Amino acid sequence: MLLVCRFAPAAAETPAFLERARRAVALLAAQPGCEGVELGRAIEEPGSWVLVARFATVTAYRRALQPFDVREHVVPLLSEARTDEPAAHERALVAGPGGVTEHPSLLTDR
């Protein structure tokens, strides 16, 4: 499962955003089932940021948000993400040194 959250903090708020993001990324990455978290900044639009977290399963993602310190530091940051596009995504294709793996959809065809 992928969590993709986009942020656009005001320029004056960027240092505070990064400070909170450092803690949130570390806390989220430490949760069981979390396979990694990255925070990136858009090259073409430096005021735009993206957080991408990979989880083994949807259940692992949901459980990762339950501990108190995550609810205290991660959830408030995630609540500041832009809401004009979806944030939770299922994996379809994953490529690595061993090749490409196709994951079956968790969704029913609509």
Protein backbone atom coordinates (compact mmCIF):
# COMPACT_ATOMS: atom_id res chain seq x y z
CA MET A 1 0.00 0.00 0.00
CA LEU A 2 1.23 3.48 -0.82
CA LEU A 3 0.41 6.66 1.04
CA VAL A 4 1.04 9.74 -1.12
CA CYS A 5 0.43 13.11 0.52
CA ARG A 6 1.16 16.47 -1.07
CA PHE A 7 1.89 19.61 0.92
CA ALA A 8 2.26 23.30 0.07
CA PRO A 9 3.41 25.09 3.23
CA ALA A 10 3.81 28.87 3.09
CA ALA A 11 7.44 29.88 2.53
CA ALA A 12 7.70 31.32 6.04
CA GLU A 13 6.36 28.03 7.48
CA THR A 14 8.79 25.74 5.63
CA PRO A 15 11.37 25.44 8.47
CA ALA A 16 8.62 24.49 10.97
CA PHE A 17 7.08 22.10 8.43
CA LEU A 18 10.44 20.36 7.93
CA GLU A 19 11.01 20.06 11.67
CA ARG A 20 7.62 18.40 12.16
CA ALA A 21 8.11 16.26 9.04
CA ARG A 22 11.45 14.93 10.33
CA ARG A 23 9.79 13.60 13.45
CA ALA A 24 6.72 12.31 11.59
CA VAL A 25 8.82 10.48 8.97
CA ALA A 26 10.94 8.82 11.66
CA LEU A 27 7.91 7.75 13.72
CA LEU A 28 6.03 6.40 10.71
CA ALA A 29 9.06 4.53 9.36
CA ALA A 30 9.53 2.81 12.74
CA GLN A 31 6.07 1.22 12.66
CA PRO A 32 5.76 -2.52 11.95
CA GLY A 33 4.83 -3.13 8.33
CA CYS A 34 6.18 0.22 7.13
CA GLU A 35 8.65 -0.45 4.31
CA GLY A 36 9.93 3.11 4.03
CA VAL A 37 8.99 6.78 4.04
CA GLU A 38 10.34 9.59 1.88
CA LEU A 39 9.72 13.33 1.87
CA GLY A 40 10.58 15.14 -1.35
CA ARG A 41 10.45 18.66 -2.71
CA ALA A 42 9.38 19.55 -6.24
CA ILE A 43 12.28 20.79 -8.34
CA GLU A 44 10.05 22.82 -10.63
CA GLU A 45 7.93 24.22 -7.79
CA PRO A 46 9.99 24.42 -4.57
CA GLY A 47 6.94 25.23 -2.44
CA SER A 48 5.44 21.80 -3.20
CA TRP A 49 6.35 18.78 -1.10
CA VAL A 50 5.34 15.11 -1.26
CA LEU A 51 5.45 12.41 1.40
CA VAL A 52 5.42 8.82 0.17
CA ALA A 53 5.16 5.89 2.59
CA ARG A 54 5.13 2.21 1.64
CA PHE A 55 3.34 -0.37 3.76
CA ALA A 56 3.23 -4.15 3.46
CA THR A 57 -0.57 -4.18 3.69
CA VAL A 58 -3.56 -1.90 4.21
CA THR A 59 -3.83 -3.37 7.71
CA ALA A 60 -0.21 -2.43 8.44
CA TYR A 61 -0.98 1.13 7.31
CA ARG A 62 -4.03 1.37 9.57
CA ARG A 63 -2.15 -0.08 12.54
CA ALA A 64 0.78 2.29 11.95
CA LEU A 65 -1.51 5.24 12.64
CA GLN A 66 -2.73 3.90 16.02
CA PRO A 67 0.17 4.44 18.49
CA PHE A 68 -0.17 7.56 20.62
CA ASP A 69 3.05 9.21 19.44
CA VAL A 70 1.98 8.70 15.81
CA ARG A 71 -1.44 10.21 16.51
CA GLU A 72 0.30 13.10 18.28
CA HIS A 73 2.90 13.91 15.59
CA VAL A 74 2.14 12.14 12.30
CA VAL A 75 -1.64 12.46 12.01
CA PRO A 76 -1.63 16.27 12.50
CA LEU A 77 0.98 16.62 9.75
CA LEU A 78 -0.96 14.36 7.40
CA SER A 79 -4.10 16.40 8.10
CA GLU A 80 -2.35 19.40 6.49
CA ALA A 81 -1.94 17.57 3.18
CA ARG A 82 -3.78 18.78 0.12
CA THR A 83 -7.11 17.03 -0.26
CA ASP A 84 -7.73 17.57 -3.97
CA GLU A 85 -6.50 14.09 -4.89
CA PRO A 86 -6.48 10.61 -3.30
CA ALA A 87 -3.73 9.74 -0.81
CA ALA A 88 -4.06 5.95 -0.29
CA HIS A 89 -3.13 3.75 -3.25
CA GLU A 90 -2.82 0.02 -3.78
CA ARG A 91 0.32 -1.28 -5.44
CA ALA A 92 -0.05 -2.50 -9.01
CA LEU A 93 3.49 -3.01 -10.34
CA VAL A 94 6.68 -3.00 -8.27
CA ALA A 95 10.10 -3.19 -9.90
CA GLY A 96 13.39 -4.03 -8.25
CA PRO A 97 16.67 -5.77 -9.01
CA GLY A 98 14.81 -9.08 -9.27
CA GLY A 99 12.36 -7.84 -11.90
CA VAL A 100 8.78 -6.63 -11.91
CA THR A 101 6.13 -7.98 -9.57
CA GLU A 102 2.45 -7.50 -10.33
CA HIS A 103 0.18 -7.25 -7.31
CA PRO A 104 -3.44 -8.34 -7.56
CA SER A 105 -5.96 -5.57 -6.99
CA LEU A 106 -7.72 -5.30 -3.65
CA LEU A 107 -10.54 -3.43 -5.33
CA THR A 108 -13.45 -4.93 -7.18
CA ASP A 109 -13.99 -3.74 -10.74
CA ARG A 110 -16.58 -1.02 -10.83
